[in-house]
Amino acid sequence: MIRRAKTAFDEPLRSMVEVRNQARVHLWFEEKFGEPYLPLSCTAEALERFTSTTFAVGVRLEPEDRLHIEAPFGLADLFALRLRPNPRRKTLHFDRTSADVRRRWPEVVMITNDATFLA
């Protein structure tokens, strides 16, 4: 699915969209990021563990072409282009985690617990 999704988008969207298999994250997450990550019980639970409130948005196509939006932290940060750490988990090195986002979207404002940074 990850490879198929990459071919579905042209640039610049291809470099902005990231598709991941959340059901397998627990297999590699701790080794890569140094934080434990227990297996997920459902897709919505994955969103609650994302590093940023801005990333924690899922969209599913329902019957009759209706969209179901799952956003445990709401959509305000996404629409305001604010990059804020997930308040439900401590993310080690949030500034490093968000560096790629700031490169792709220079207009984003990064908010940490201590300060606000314009990218």
PDB file of N, CA and C in Angstrom:
ATOM      1  N   MET A   1       0.820  -1.196   0.000  1.00  0.00           N
ATOM      2  CA  MET A   1       0.000   0.000   0.000  1.00  0.00           C
ATOM      3  C   MET A   1       0.866   1.264   0.000  1.00  0.00           C
ATOM      4  N   ILE A   2       1.972   1.211   0.724  1.00  0.00           N
ATOM      5  CA  ILE A   2       2.858   2.373   0.778  1.00  0.00           C
ATOM      6  C   ILE A   2       3.398   2.672  -0.617  1.00  0.00           C
ATOM      7  N   ARG A   3       3.851   1.649  -1.318  1.00  0.00           N
ATOM      8  CA  ARG A   3       4.371   1.850  -2.691  1.00  0.00           C
ATOM      9  C   ARG A   3       3.263   2.304  -3.636  1.00  0.00           C
ATOM     10  N   ARG A   4       2.077   1.732  -3.509  1.00  0.00           N
ATOM     11  CA  ARG A   4       0.955   2.143  -4.371  1.00  0.00           C
ATOM     12  C   ARG A   4       0.590   3.595  -4.134  1.00  0.00           C
ATOM     13  N   ALA A   5       0.578   4.006  -2.881  1.00  0.00           N
ATOM     14  CA  ALA A   5       0.231   5.398  -2.569  1.00  0.00           C
ATOM     15  C   ALA A   5       1.249   6.366  -3.160  1.00  0.00           C
ATOM     16  N   LYS A   6       2.525   5.999  -3.121  1.00  0.00           N
ATOM     17  CA  LYS A   6       3.558   6.873  -3.697  1.00  0.00           C
ATOM     18  C   LYS A   6       3.317   7.127  -5.174  1.00  0.00           C
ATOM     19  N   THR A   7       2.864   6.115  -5.893  1.00  0.00           N
ATOM     20  CA  THR A   7       2.641   6.291  -7.330  1.00  0.00           C
ATOM     21  C   THR A   7       1.335   7.023  -7.624  1.00  0.00           C
ATOM     22  N   ALA A   8       0.480   7.163  -6.629  1.00  0.00           N
ATOM     23  CA  ALA A   8      -0.814   7.813  -6.836  1.00  0.00           C
ATOM     24  C   ALA A   8      -0.715   9.332  -6.860  1.00  0.00           C
ATOM     25  N   PHE A   9       0.382   9.874  -6.351  1.00  0.00           N
ATOM     26  CA  PHE A   9       0.525  11.324  -6.248  1.00  0.00           C
ATOM     27  C   PHE A   9       1.654  11.832  -7.140  1.00  0.00           C
ATOM     28  N   ASP A  10       1.431  12.975  -7.747  1.00  0.00           N
ATOM     29  CA  ASP A  10       2.492  13.675  -8.455  1.00  0.00           C
ATOM     30  C   ASP A  10       3.149  14.639  -7.485  1.00  0.00           C
ATOM     31  N   GLU A  11       4.352  15.100  -7.840  1.00  0.00           N
ATOM     32  CA  GLU A  11       5.006  16.134  -7.022  1.00  0.00           C
ATOM     33  C   GLU A  11       4.225  17.425  -7.180  1.00  0.00           C
ATOM     34  N   PRO A  12       4.133  18.278  -6.207  1.00  0.00           N
ATOM     35  CA  PRO A  12       4.822  18.214  -4.921  1.00  0.00           C
ATOM     36  C   PRO A  12       4.085  17.387  -3.875  1.00  0.00           C
ATOM     37  N   LEU A  13       2.884  16.896  -4.181  1.00  0.00           N
ATOM     38  CA  LEU A  13       2.109  16.153  -3.187  1.00  0.00           C
ATOM     39  C   LEU A  13       2.820  14.879  -2.738  1.00  0.00           C
ATOM     40  N   ARG A  14       3.512  14.214  -3.646  1.00  0.00           N
ATOM     41  CA  ARG A  14       4.176  12.952  -3.295  1.00  0.00           C
ATOM     42  C   ARG A  14       5.125  13.135  -2.113  1.00  0.00           C
ATOM     43  N   SER A  15       5.843  14.234  -2.060  1.00  0.00           N
ATOM     44  CA  SER A  15       6.782  14.437  -0.961  1.00  0.00           C
ATOM     45  C   SER A  15       6.093  14.947   0.302  1.00  0.00           C
ATOM     46  N   MET A  16       4.820  15.295   0.216  1.00  0.00           N
ATOM     47  CA  MET A  16       4.088  15.798   1.373  1.00  0.00           C
ATOM     48  C   MET A  16       3.218  14.748   2.047  1.00  0.00           C
ATOM     49  N   VAL A  17       2.882  13.681   1.340  1.00  0.00           N
ATOM     50  CA  VAL A  17       1.979  12.659   1.863  1.00  0.00           C
ATOM     51  C   VAL A  17       2.804  11.449   2.290  1.00  0.00           C
ATOM     52  N   GLU A  18       2.530  10.963   3.488  1.00  0.00           N
ATOM     53  CA  GLU A  18       3.226   9.792   4.002  1.00  0.00           C
ATOM     54  C   GLU A  18       2.196   8.750   4.427  1.00  0.00           C
ATOM     55  N   VAL A  19       2.293   7.563   3.871  1.00  0.00           N
ATOM     56  CA  VAL A  19       1.394   6.465   4.207  1.00  0.00           C
ATOM     57  C   VAL A  19       2.199   5.441   5.001  1.00  0.00           C
ATOM     58  N   ARG A  20       1.662   5.012   6.132  1.00  0.00           N
ATOM     59  CA  ARG A  20       2.323   4.020   6.972  1.00  0.00           C
ATOM     60  C   ARG A  20       1.314   2.986   7.438  1.00  0.00           C
ATOM     61  N   ASN A  21       1.786   1.752   7.622  1.00  0.00           N
ATOM     62  CA  ASN A  21       0.980   0.669   8.156  1.00  0.00           C
ATOM     63  C   ASN A  21       1.058   0.738   9.681  1.00  0.00           C
ATOM     64  N   GLN A  22       0.077   1.341  10.313  1.00  0.00           N
ATOM     65  CA  GLN A  22       0.092   1.542  11.759  1.00  0.00           C
ATOM     66  C   GLN A  22       0.044   0.227  12.536  1.00  0.00           C
ATOM     67  N   ALA A  23      -0.472  -0.828  11.928  1.00  0.00           N
ATOM     68  CA  ALA A  23      -0.565  -2.112  12.627  1.00  0.00           C
ATOM     69  C   ALA A  23       0.814  -2.713  12.891  1.00  0.00           C
ATOM     70  N   ARG A  24       1.843  -2.251  12.193  1.00  0.00           N
ATOM     71  CA  ARG A  24       3.186  -2.814  12.353  1.00  0.00           C
ATOM     72  C   ARG A  24       4.158  -1.886  13.077  1.00  0.00           C
ATOM     73  N   VAL A  25       3.729  -0.706  13.471  1.00  0.00           N
ATOM     74  CA  VAL A  25       4.627   0.276  14.077  1.00  0.00           C
ATOM     75  C   VAL A  25       5.297  -0.270  15.333  1.00  0.00           C
ATOM     76  N   HIS A  26       4.588  -1.028  16.131  1.00  0.00           N
ATOM     77  CA  HIS A  26       5.164  -1.544  17.384  1.00  0.00           C
ATOM     78  C   HIS A  26       6.380  -2.450  17.145  1.00  0.00           C
ATOM     79  N   LEU A  27       6.537  -2.960  15.932  1.00  0.00           N
ATOM     80  CA  LEU A  27       7.649  -3.854  15.624  1.00  0.00           C
ATOM     81  C   LEU A  27       8.982  -3.115  15.476  1.00  0.00           C
ATOM     82  N   TRP A  28       8.949  -1.849  15.085  1.00  0.00           N
ATOM     83  CA  TRP A  28      10.191  -1.116  14.825  1.00  0.00           C
ATOM     84  C   TRP A  28      10.337   0.211  15.581  1.00  0.00           C
ATOM     85  N   PHE A  29       9.269   0.693  16.171  1.00  0.00           N
ATOM     86  CA  PHE A  29       9.253   2.041  16.738  1.00  0.00           C
ATOM     87  C   PHE A  29      10.304   2.254  17.837  1.00  0.00           C
ATOM     88  N   GLU A  30      10.368   1.347  18.799  1.00  0.00           N
ATOM     89  CA  GLU A  30      11.280   1.550  19.931  1.00  0.00           C
ATOM     90  C   GLU A  30      12.740   1.580  19.479  1.00  0.00           C
ATOM     91  N   GLU A  31      13.104   0.716  18.560  1.00  0.00           N
ATOM     92  CA  GLU A  31      14.483   0.708  18.067  1.00  0.00           C
ATOM     93  C   GLU A  31      14.827   2.013  17.345  1.00  0.00           C
ATOM     94  N   LYS A  32      13.887   2.541  16.598  1.00  0.00           N
ATOM     95  CA  LYS A  32      14.148   3.762  15.828  1.00  0.00           C
ATOM     96  C   LYS A  32      14.072   5.027  16.684  1.00  0.00           C
ATOM     97  N   PHE A  33      13.099   5.098  17.608  1.00  0.00           N
ATOM     98  CA  PHE A  33      12.856   6.340  18.344  1.00  0.00           C
ATOM     99  C   PHE A  33      13.178   6.266  19.840  1.00  0.00           C
ATOM    100  N   GLY A  34      13.493   5.082  20.348  1.00  0.00           N
ATOM    101  CA  GLY A  34      13.868   4.971  21.748  1.00  0.00           C
ATOM    102  C   GLY A  34      12.708   5.040  22.723  1.00  0.00           C
ATOM    103  N   GLU A  35      11.500   4.884  22.222  1.00  0.00           N
ATOM    104  CA  GLU A  35      10.301   4.905  23.067  1.00  0.00           C
ATOM    105  C   GLU A  35       9.523   3.609  22.836  1.00  0.00           C
ATOM    106  N   PRO A  36       8.974   3.006  23.902  1.00  0.00           N
ATOM    107  CA  PRO A  36       8.143   1.815  23.698  1.00  0.00           C
ATOM    108  C   PRO A  36       6.854   2.166  22.948  1.00  0.00           C
ATOM    109  N   TYR A  37       6.314   1.205  22.237  1.00  0.00           N
ATOM    110  CA  TYR A  37       5.081   1.412  21.487  1.00  0.00           C
ATOM    111  C   TYR A  37       4.323   0.094  21.485  1.00  0.00           C
ATOM    112  N   LEU A  38       3.301   0.006  22.309  1.00  0.00           N
ATOM    113  CA  LEU A  38       2.519  -1.226  22.411  1.00  0.00           C
ATOM    114  C   LEU A  38       1.671  -1.430  21.157  1.00  0.00           C
ATOM    115  N   PRO A  39       1.352  -2.679  20.835  1.00  0.00           N
ATOM    116  CA  PRO A  39       0.485  -2.937  19.683  1.00  0.00           C
ATOM    117  C   PRO A  39      -0.854  -2.211  19.820  1.00  0.00           C
ATOM    118  N   LEU A  40      -1.420  -1.840  18.705  1.00  0.00           N
ATOM    119  CA  LEU A  40      -2.678  -1.091  18.666  1.00  0.00           C
ATOM    120  C   LEU A  40      -3.876  -2.034  18.696  1.00  0.00           C
ATOM    121  N   SER A  41      -4.964  -1.561  19.275  1.00  0.00           N
ATOM    122  CA  SER A  41      -6.195  -2.350  19.282  1.00  0.00           C
ATOM    123  C   SER A  41      -7.135  -1.927  18.153  1.00  0.00           C
ATOM    124  N   CYS A  42      -6.942  -0.704  17.621  1.00  0.00           N
ATOM    125  CA  CYS A  42      -7.784  -0.224  16.536  1.00  0.00           C
ATOM    126  C   CYS A  42      -7.101   0.968  15.848  1.00  0.00           C
ATOM    127  N   THR A  43      -7.583   1.320  14.699  1.00  0.00           N
ATOM    128  CA  THR A  43      -7.003   2.420  13.930  1.00  0.00           C
ATOM    129  C   THR A  43      -7.102   3.746  14.667  1.00  0.00           C
ATOM    130  N   ALA A  44      -8.232   4.017  15.291  1.00  0.00           N
ATOM    131  CA  ALA A  44      -8.413   5.290  15.994  1.00  0.00           C
ATOM    132  C   ALA A  44      -7.392   5.449  17.115  1.00  0.00           C
ATOM    133  N   GLU A  45      -7.005   4.354  17.753  1.00  0.00           N
ATOM    134  CA  GLU A  45      -6.002   4.416  18.814  1.00  0.00           C
ATOM    135  C   GLU A  45      -4.661   4.902  18.277  1.00  0.00           C
ATOM    136  N   ALA A  46      -4.337   4.558  17.064  1.00  0.00           N
ATOM    137  CA  ALA A  46      -3.080   5.005  16.457  1.00  0.00           C
ATOM    138  C   ALA A  46      -3.020   6.526  16.403  1.00  0.00           C
ATOM    139  N   LEU A  47      -4.114   7.168  16.056  1.00  0.00           N
ATOM    140  CA  LEU A  47      -4.139   8.622  15.955  1.00  0.00           C
ATOM    141  C   LEU A  47      -3.818   9.281  17.288  1.00  0.00           C
ATOM    142  N   GLU A  48      -4.267   8.691  18.378  1.00  0.00           N
ATOM    143  CA  GLU A  48      -4.015   9.245  19.710  1.00  0.00           C
ATOM    144  C   GLU A  48      -2.550   9.164  20.101  1.00  0.00           C
ATOM    145  N   ARG A  49      -1.766   8.357  19.391  1.00  0.00           N
ATOM    146  CA  ARG A  49      -0.343   8.192  19.705  1.00  0.00           C
ATOM    147  C   ARG A  49       0.564   8.990  18.764  1.00  0.00           C
ATOM    148  N   PHE A  50       0.016   9.645  17.766  1.00  0.00           N
ATOM    149  CA  PHE A  50       0.848  10.402  16.832  1.00  0.00           C
ATOM    150  C   PHE A  50       1.625  11.471  17.591  1.00  0.00           C
ATOM    151  N   THR A  51       2.757  11.878  17.061  1.00  0.00           N
ATOM    152  CA  THR A  51       3.617  12.830  17.758  1.00  0.00           C
ATOM    153  C   THR A  51       3.016  14.222  17.857  1.00  0.00           C
ATOM    154  N   SER A  52       2.122  14.559  16.956  1.00  0.00           N
ATOM    155  CA  SER A  52       1.557  15.907  16.939  1.00  0.00           C
ATOM    156  C   SER A  52       0.046  15.866  16.770  1.00  0.00           C
ATOM    157  N   THR A  53      -0.621  16.829  17.375  1.00  0.00           N
ATOM    158  CA  THR A  53      -2.066  16.967  17.196  1.00  0.00           C
ATOM    159  C   THR A  53      -2.401  17.214  15.733  1.00  0.00           C
ATOM    160  N   THR A  54      -1.497  17.868  15.034  1.00  0.00           N
ATOM    161  CA  THR A  54      -1.704  18.190  13.623  1.00  0.00           C
ATOM    162  C   THR A  54      -1.744  16.941  12.758  1.00  0.00           C
ATOM    163  N   PHE A  55      -0.950  15.932  13.111  1.00  0.00           N
ATOM    164  CA  PHE A  55      -0.886  14.697  12.326  1.00  0.00           C
ATOM    165  C   PHE A  55      -2.033  13.750  12.638  1.00  0.00           C
ATOM    166  N   ALA A  56      -2.685  13.927  13.760  1.00  0.00           N
ATOM    167  CA  ALA A  56      -3.660  12.959  14.277  1.00  0.00           C
ATOM    168  C   ALA A  56      -5.023  13.127  13.621  1.00  0.00           C
ATOM    169  N   VAL A  57      -5.048  12.917  12.319  1.00  0.00           N
ATOM    170  CA  VAL A  57      -6.293  13.028  11.551  1.00  0.00           C
ATOM    171  C   VAL A  57      -6.355  11.849  10.591  1.00  0.00           C
ATOM    172  N   GLY A  58      -7.455  11.139  10.638  1.00  0.00           N
ATOM    173  CA  GLY A  58      -7.676  10.034   9.716  1.00  0.00           C
ATOM    174  C   GLY A  58      -8.971  10.245   8.966  1.00  0.00           C
ATOM    175  N   VAL A  59      -8.979   9.833   7.717  1.00  0.00           N
ATOM    176  CA  VAL A  59     -10.180   9.962   6.884  1.00  0.00           C
ATOM    177  C   VAL A  59     -10.458   8.611   6.245  1.00  0.00           C
ATOM    178  N   ARG A  60     -11.704   8.185   6.347  1.00  0.00           N
ATOM    179  CA  ARG A  60     -12.116   6.905   5.766  1.00  0.00           C
ATOM    180  C   ARG A  60     -13.291   7.156   4.833  1.00  0.00           C
ATOM    181  N   LEU A  61     -13.248   6.533   3.672  1.00  0.00           N
ATOM    182  CA  LEU A  61     -14.354   6.624   2.724  1.00  0.00           C
ATOM    183  C   LEU A  61     -15.416   5.607   3.118  1.00  0.00           C
ATOM    184  N   GLU A  62     -16.607   6.077   3.411  1.00  0.00           N
ATOM    185  CA  GLU A  62     -17.728   5.238   3.830  1.00  0.00           C
ATOM    186  C   GLU A  62     -18.629   4.955   2.628  1.00  0.00           C
ATOM    187  N   PRO A  63     -19.585   4.071   2.802  1.00  0.00           N
ATOM    188  CA  PRO A  63     -20.553   3.832   1.719  1.00  0.00           C
ATOM    189  C   PRO A  63     -21.216   5.132   1.268  1.00  0.00           C
ATOM    190  N   GLU A  64     -21.625   5.160   0.056  1.00  0.00           N
ATOM    191  CA  GLU A  64     -22.269   6.322  -0.563  1.00  0.00           C
ATOM    192  C   GLU A  64     -21.325   7.519  -0.627  1.00  0.00           C
ATOM    193  N   ASP A  65     -20.017   7.240  -0.712  1.00  0.00           N
ATOM    194  CA  ASP A  65     -18.987   8.276  -0.868  1.00  0.00           C
ATOM    195  C   ASP A  65     -18.984   9.317   0.244  1.00  0.00           C
ATOM    196  N   ARG A  66     -19.365   8.910   1.444  1.00  0.00           N
ATOM    197  CA  ARG A  66     -19.303   9.820   2.585  1.00  0.00           C
ATOM    198  C   ARG A  66     -17.940   9.665   3.244  1.00  0.00           C
ATOM    199  N   LEU A  67     -17.396  10.770   3.751  1.00  0.00           N
ATOM    200  CA  LEU A  67     -16.119  10.737   4.449  1.00  0.00           C
ATOM    201  C   LEU A  67     -16.353  10.711   5.955  1.00  0.00           C
ATOM    202  N   HIS A  68     -15.650   9.833   6.629  1.00  0.00           N
ATOM    203  CA  HIS A  68     -15.651   9.806   8.086  1.00  0.00           C
ATOM    204  C   HIS A  68     -14.304  10.360   8.530  1.00  0.00           C
ATOM    205  N   ILE A  69     -14.309  11.415   9.327  1.00  0.00           N
ATOM    206  CA  ILE A  69     -13.076  12.025   9.811  1.00  0.00           C
ATOM    207  C   ILE A  69     -12.916  11.692  11.282  1.00  0.00           C
ATOM    208  N   GLU A  70     -11.766  11.139  11.617  1.00  0.00           N
ATOM    209  CA  GLU A  70     -11.408  10.823  12.998  1.00  0.00           C
ATOM    210  C   GLU A  70     -10.286  11.777  13.385  1.00  0.00           C
ATOM    211  N   ALA A  71     -10.501  12.605  14.385  1.00  0.00           N
ATOM    212  CA  ALA A  71      -9.503  13.587  14.812  1.00  0.00           C
ATOM    213  C   ALA A  71      -9.609  13.775  16.327  1.00  0.00           C
ATOM    214  N   PRO A  72      -8.899  12.951  17.098  1.00  0.00           N
ATOM    215  CA  PRO A  72      -9.051  12.997  18.557  1.00  0.00           C
ATOM    216  C   PRO A  72      -8.668  14.337  19.195  1.00  0.00           C
ATOM    217  N   PHE A  73      -7.893  15.151  18.509  1.00  0.00           N
ATOM    218  CA  PHE A  73      -7.500  16.462  19.045  1.00  0.00           C
ATOM    219  C   PHE A  73      -8.173  17.602  18.289  1.00  0.00           C
ATOM    220  N   GLY A  74      -9.124  17.271  17.428  1.00  0.00           N
ATOM    221  CA  GLY A  74      -9.794  18.285  16.626  1.00  0.00           C
ATOM    222  C   GLY A  74      -8.979  18.655  15.400  1.00  0.00           C
ATOM    223  N   LEU A  75      -9.471  19.648  14.676  1.00  0.00           N
ATOM    224  CA  LEU A  75      -8.837  20.061  13.422  1.00  0.00           C
ATOM    225  C   LEU A  75      -8.250  21.469  13.475  1.00  0.00           C
ATOM    226  N   ALA A  76      -8.385  22.152  14.599  1.00  0.00           N
ATOM    227  CA  ALA A  76      -7.956  23.554  14.686  1.00  0.00           C
ATOM    228  C   ALA A  76      -6.470  23.725  14.378  1.00  0.00           C
ATOM    229  N   ASP A  77      -5.605  22.868  14.940  1.00  0.00           N
ATOM    230  CA  ASP A  77      -4.167  23.004  14.667  1.00  0.00           C
ATOM    231  C   ASP A  77      -3.855  22.760  13.200  1.00  0.00           C
ATOM    232  N   LEU A  78      -4.501  21.793  12.604  1.00  0.00           N
ATOM    233  CA  LEU A  78      -4.283  21.505  11.190  1.00  0.00           C
ATOM    234  C   LEU A  78      -4.636  22.713  10.326  1.00  0.00           C
ATOM    235  N   PHE A  79      -5.810  23.277  10.528  1.00  0.00           N
ATOM    236  CA  PHE A  79      -6.254  24.407   9.703  1.00  0.00           C
ATOM    237  C   PHE A  79      -5.476  25.688   9.997  1.00  0.00           C
ATOM    238  N   ALA A  80      -4.931  25.806  11.205  1.00  0.00           N
ATOM    239  CA  ALA A  80      -4.144  26.994  11.561  1.00  0.00           C
ATOM    240  C   ALA A  80      -2.655  26.820  11.247  1.00  0.00           C
ATOM    241  N   LEU A  81      -2.283  25.659  10.704  1.00  0.00           N
ATOM    242  CA  LEU A  81      -0.884  25.347  10.391  1.00  0.00           C
ATOM    243  C   LEU A  81       0.012  25.441  11.632  1.00  0.00           C
ATOM    244  N   ARG A  82      -0.506  24.901  12.743  1.00  0.00           N
ATOM    245  CA  ARG A  82       0.244  24.839  13.992  1.00  0.00           C
ATOM    246  C   ARG A  82       0.735  23.418  14.214  1.00  0.00           C
ATOM    247  N   LEU A  83       1.984  23.281  14.512  1.00  0.00           N
ATOM    248  CA  LEU A  83       2.563  21.987  14.819  1.00  0.00           C
ATOM    249  C   LEU A  83       2.805  21.931  16.317  1.00  0.00           C
ATOM    250  N   ARG A  84       2.005  21.135  16.998  1.00  0.00           N
ATOM    251  CA  ARG A  84       2.027  21.088  18.466  1.00  0.00           C
ATOM    252  C   ARG A  84       2.236  19.626  18.900  1.00  0.00           C
ATOM    253  N   PRO A  85       3.042  19.404  19.962  1.00  0.00           N
ATOM    254  CA  PRO A  85       3.214  18.033  20.453  1.00  0.00           C
ATOM    255  C   PRO A  85       1.898  17.447  20.962  1.00  0.00           C
ATOM    256  N   ASN A  86       1.772  16.155  20.858  1.00  0.00           N
ATOM    257  CA  ASN A  86       0.618  15.439  21.386  1.00  0.00           C
ATOM    258  C   ASN A  86       0.620  15.569  22.905  1.00  0.00           C
ATOM    259  N   PRO A  87      -0.437  16.127  23.505  1.00  0.00           N
ATOM    260  CA  PRO A  87      -0.459  16.316  24.963  1.00  0.00           C
ATOM    261  C   PRO A  87      -0.632  15.010  25.740  1.00  0.00           C
ATOM    262  N   ARG A  88      -0.983  13.924  25.056  1.00  0.00           N
ATOM    263  CA  ARG A  88      -1.223  12.656  25.750  1.00  0.00           C
ATOM    264  C   ARG A  88       0.018  11.772  25.830  1.00  0.00           C
ATOM    265  N   ARG A  89       1.106  12.218  25.212  1.00  0.00           N
ATOM    266  CA  ARG A  89       2.332  11.423  25.290  1.00  0.00           C
ATOM    267  C   ARG A  89       3.537  12.329  25.239  1.00  0.00           C
ATOM    268  N   LYS A  90       4.573  11.891  25.886  1.00  0.00           N
ATOM    269  CA  LYS A  90       5.824  12.639  25.838  1.00  0.00           C
ATOM    270  C   LYS A  90       6.579  12.167  24.602  1.00  0.00           C
ATOM    271  N   THR A  91       6.888  13.084  23.718  1.00  0.00           N
ATOM    272  CA  THR A  91       7.627  12.745  22.514  1.00  0.00           C
ATOM    273  C   THR A  91       9.055  13.226  22.697  1.00  0.00           C
ATOM    274  N   LEU A  92       9.977  12.282  22.717  1.00  0.00           N
ATOM    275  CA  LEU A  92      11.383  12.648  22.817  1.00  0.00           C
ATOM    276  C   LEU A  92      11.796  13.372  21.541  1.00  0.00           C
ATOM    277  N   HIS A  93      12.527  14.452  21.676  1.00  0.00           N
ATOM    278  CA  HIS A  93      13.087  15.168  20.532  1.00  0.00           C
ATOM    279  C   HIS A  93      12.020  15.638  19.546  1.00  0.00           C
ATOM    280  N   PHE A  94      10.984  16.292  20.045  1.00  0.00           N
ATOM    281  CA  PHE A  94       9.915  16.769  19.157  1.00  0.00           C
ATOM    282  C   PHE A  94      10.449  17.695  18.074  1.00  0.00           C
ATOM    283  N   ASP A  95      11.452  18.501  18.404  1.00  0.00           N
ATOM    284  CA  ASP A  95      12.008  19.412  17.405  1.00  0.00           C
ATOM    285  C   ASP A  95      12.618  18.638  16.238  1.00  0.00           C
ATOM    286  N   ARG A  96      13.274  17.518  16.528  1.00  0.00           N
ATOM    287  CA  ARG A  96      13.841  16.683  15.458  1.00  0.00           C
ATOM    288  C   ARG A  96      12.721  16.016  14.647  1.00  0.00           C
ATOM    289  N   THR A  97      11.700  15.555  15.358  1.00  0.00           N
ATOM    290  CA  THR A  97      10.566  14.916  14.695  1.00  0.00           C
ATOM    291  C   THR A  97       9.881  15.884  13.733  1.00  0.00           C
ATOM    292  N   SER A  98       9.806  17.141  14.119  1.00  0.00           N
ATOM    293  CA  SER A  98       9.078  18.116  13.310  1.00  0.00           C
ATOM    294  C   SER A  98       9.931  18.794  12.241  1.00  0.00           C
ATOM    295  N   ALA A  99      11.231  18.559  12.230  1.00  0.00           N
ATOM    296  CA  ALA A  99      12.113  19.247  11.275  1.00  0.00           C
ATOM    297  C   ALA A  99      11.706  18.984   9.830  1.00  0.00           C
ATOM    298  N   ASP A 100      11.354  17.748   9.502  1.00  0.00           N
ATOM    299  CA  ASP A 100      10.960  17.431   8.130  1.00  0.00           C
ATOM    300  C   ASP A 100       9.657  18.121   7.752  1.00  0.00           C
ATOM    301  N   VAL A 101       8.753  18.226   8.701  1.00  0.00           N
ATOM    302  CA  VAL A 101       7.487  18.915   8.445  1.00  0.00           C
ATOM    303  C   VAL A 101       7.744  20.385   8.132  1.00  0.00           C
ATOM    304  N   ARG A 102       8.605  20.996   8.921  1.00  0.00           N
ATOM    305  CA  ARG A 102       8.914  22.411   8.700  1.00  0.00           C
ATOM    306  C   ARG A 102       9.610  22.615   7.363  1.00  0.00           C
ATOM    307  N   ARG A 103      10.406  21.657   6.907  1.00  0.00           N
ATOM    308  CA  ARG A 103      11.052  21.752   5.595  1.00  0.00           C
ATOM    309  C   ARG A 103      10.005  21.720   4.476  1.00  0.00           C
ATOM    310  N   ARG A 104       9.012  20.833   4.621  1.00  0.00           N
ATOM    311  CA  ARG A 104       7.983  20.690   3.585  1.00  0.00           C
ATOM    312  C   ARG A 104       6.973  21.825   3.597  1.00  0.00           C
ATOM    313  N   TRP A 105       6.654  22.319   4.782  1.00  0.00           N
ATOM    314  CA  TRP A 105       5.661  23.397   4.936  1.00  0.00           C
ATOM    315  C   TRP A 105       6.296  24.544   5.714  1.00  0.00           C
ATOM    316  N   PRO A 106       7.045  25.416   5.046  1.00  0.00           N
ATOM    317  CA  PRO A 106       7.759  26.481   5.759  1.00  0.00           C
ATOM    318  C   PRO A 106       6.840  27.457   6.491  1.00  0.00           C
ATOM    319  N   GLU A 107       5.572  27.497   6.142  1.00  0.00           N
ATOM    320  CA  GLU A 107       4.658  28.439   6.788  1.00  0.00           C
ATOM    321  C   GLU A 107       4.114  27.927   8.124  1.00  0.00           C
ATOM    322  N   VAL A 108       4.453  26.705   8.503  1.00  0.00           N
ATOM    323  CA  VAL A 108       3.935  26.130   9.735  1.00  0.00           C
ATOM    324  C   VAL A 108       4.554  26.816  10.956  1.00  0.00           C
ATOM    325  N   VAL A 109       3.767  26.934  12.004  1.00  0.00           N
ATOM    326  CA  VAL A 109       4.235  27.477  13.276  1.00  0.00           C
ATOM    327  C   VAL A 109       4.377  26.307  14.241  1.00  0.00           C
ATOM    328  N   MET A 110       5.566  26.140  14.815  1.00  0.00           N
ATOM    329  CA  MET A 110       5.807  25.050  15.745  1.00  0.00           C
ATOM    330  C   MET A 110       5.602  25.555  17.168  1.00  0.00           C
ATOM    331  N   ILE A 111       4.769  24.847  17.910  1.00  0.00           N
ATOM    332  CA  ILE A 111       4.489  25.212  19.296  1.00  0.00           C
ATOM    333  C   ILE A 111       4.963  24.082  20.191  1.00  0.00           C
ATOM    334  N   THR A 112       5.823  24.412  21.138  1.00  0.00           N
ATOM    335  CA  THR A 112       6.256  23.425  22.123  1.00  0.00           C
ATOM    336  C   THR A 112       5.687  23.861  23.460  1.00  0.00           C
ATOM    337  N   ASN A 113       5.946  23.105  24.475  1.00  0.00           N
ATOM    338  CA  ASN A 113       5.467  23.481  25.803  1.00  0.00           C
ATOM    339  C   ASN A 113       6.120  24.773  26.284  1.00  0.00           C
ATOM    340  N   ASP A 114       7.306  25.077  25.762  1.00  0.00           N
ATOM    341  CA  ASP A 114       8.064  26.228  26.232  1.00  0.00           C
ATOM    342  C   ASP A 114       7.886  27.471  25.377  1.00  0.00           C
ATOM    343  N   ALA A 115       7.709  27.287  24.061  1.00  0.00           N
ATOM    344  CA  ALA A 115       7.733  28.477  23.197  1.00  0.00           C
ATOM    345  C   ALA A 115       7.057  28.194  21.864  1.00  0.00           C
ATOM    346  N   THR A 116       6.884  29.243  21.106  1.00  0.00           N
ATOM    347  CA  THR A 116       6.345  29.164  19.758  1.00  0.00           C
ATOM    348  C   THR A 116       7.442  29.579  18.792  1.00  0.00           C
ATOM    349  N   PHE A 117       7.628  28.812  17.729  1.00  0.00           N
ATOM    350  CA  PHE A 117       8.671  29.104  16.755  1.00  0.00           C
ATOM    351  C   PHE A 117       8.048  29.232  15.370  1.00  0.00           C
ATOM    352  N   LEU A 118       8.418  30.268  14.650  1.00  0.00           N
ATOM    353  CA  LEU A 118       8.042  30.360  13.255  1.00  0.00           C
ATOM    354  C   LEU A 118       9.080  29.560  12.487  1.00  0.00           C
ATOM    355  N   ALA A 119       8.624  28.719  11.600  1.00  0.00           N
ATOM    356  CA  ALA A 119       9.552  27.877  10.850  1.00  0.00           C
ATOM    357  C   ALA A 119      10.356  28.690   9.862  1.00  0.00           C
TER     358      ALA A 119
END
